[in-house]
Amino acid sequence: MAQKKSALACTVCGSRNYSKAVSDSQRTERLEVKKFCKYCKKHTVHKETK
């Protein structure tokens, strides 16, 4: 069975820089991680998108 992929988007500029494999568990909140955005050229919060 293949895993679903989810993108991580920068909250400042909105670009989708990272992708992550996610499971079909019953999560209510989206993942938020502080990562480097190559377009903003700084560390920003990235939120999980569909």
Protein backbone atom coordinates (compact mmCIF):
# COMPACT_ATOMS: atom_id res chain seq x y z
CA MET A 1 0.00 0.00 0.00
CA ALA A 2 1.42 3.38 -1.02
CA GLN A 3 1.77 6.23 1.44
CA LYS A 4 0.14 9.59 0.81
CA LYS A 5 2.36 12.62 0.27
CA SER A 6 1.72 15.99 1.82
CA ALA A 7 3.46 19.27 0.98
CA LEU A 8 4.84 21.75 3.48
CA ALA A 9 4.15 25.36 2.46
CA CYS A 10 5.87 28.49 3.77
CA THR A 11 3.48 30.70 5.75
CA VAL A 12 5.24 33.90 4.61
CA CYS A 13 5.49 33.49 0.82
CA GLY A 14 3.25 30.44 0.29
CA SER A 15 5.73 28.39 -1.73
CA ARG A 16 5.62 24.62 -1.30
CA ASN A 17 9.25 23.74 -0.57
CA TYR A 18 9.11 20.35 1.14
CA SER A 19 7.14 17.12 0.84
CA LYS A 20 6.49 14.51 3.52
CA ALA A 21 4.99 11.02 3.53
CA VAL A 22 2.01 10.85 5.90
CA SER A 23 -0.07 7.98 7.22
CA ASP A 24 -3.86 7.71 7.28
CA SER A 25 -4.07 8.13 11.04
CA GLN A 26 -6.79 10.22 12.68
CA ARG A 27 -4.96 13.52 13.12
CA THR A 28 -6.95 16.68 13.75
CA GLU A 29 -4.15 19.23 13.46
CA ARG A 30 -1.85 19.96 10.56
CA LEU A 31 1.89 19.66 10.98
CA GLU A 32 3.81 22.91 11.64
CA VAL A 33 7.61 22.87 11.37
CA LYS A 34 10.14 25.70 11.33
CA LYS A 35 12.26 25.12 8.20
CA PHE A 36 14.46 27.14 5.84
CA CYS A 37 12.69 28.77 2.88
CA LYS A 38 14.99 29.32 -0.09
CA TYR A 39 12.74 32.06 -1.48
CA CYS A 40 12.51 34.10 1.75
CA LYS A 41 16.13 33.18 2.58
CA LYS A 42 15.33 32.66 6.27
CA HIS A 43 13.80 30.12 8.66
CA THR A 44 10.00 30.37 8.67
CA VAL A 45 7.09 28.24 9.85
CA HIS A 46 5.92 25.73 7.24
CA LYS A 47 2.41 24.24 7.47
CA GLU A 48 1.18 20.97 6.02
CA THR A 49 -1.04 21.30 2.93
CA LYS A 50 -3.00 18.74 0.95
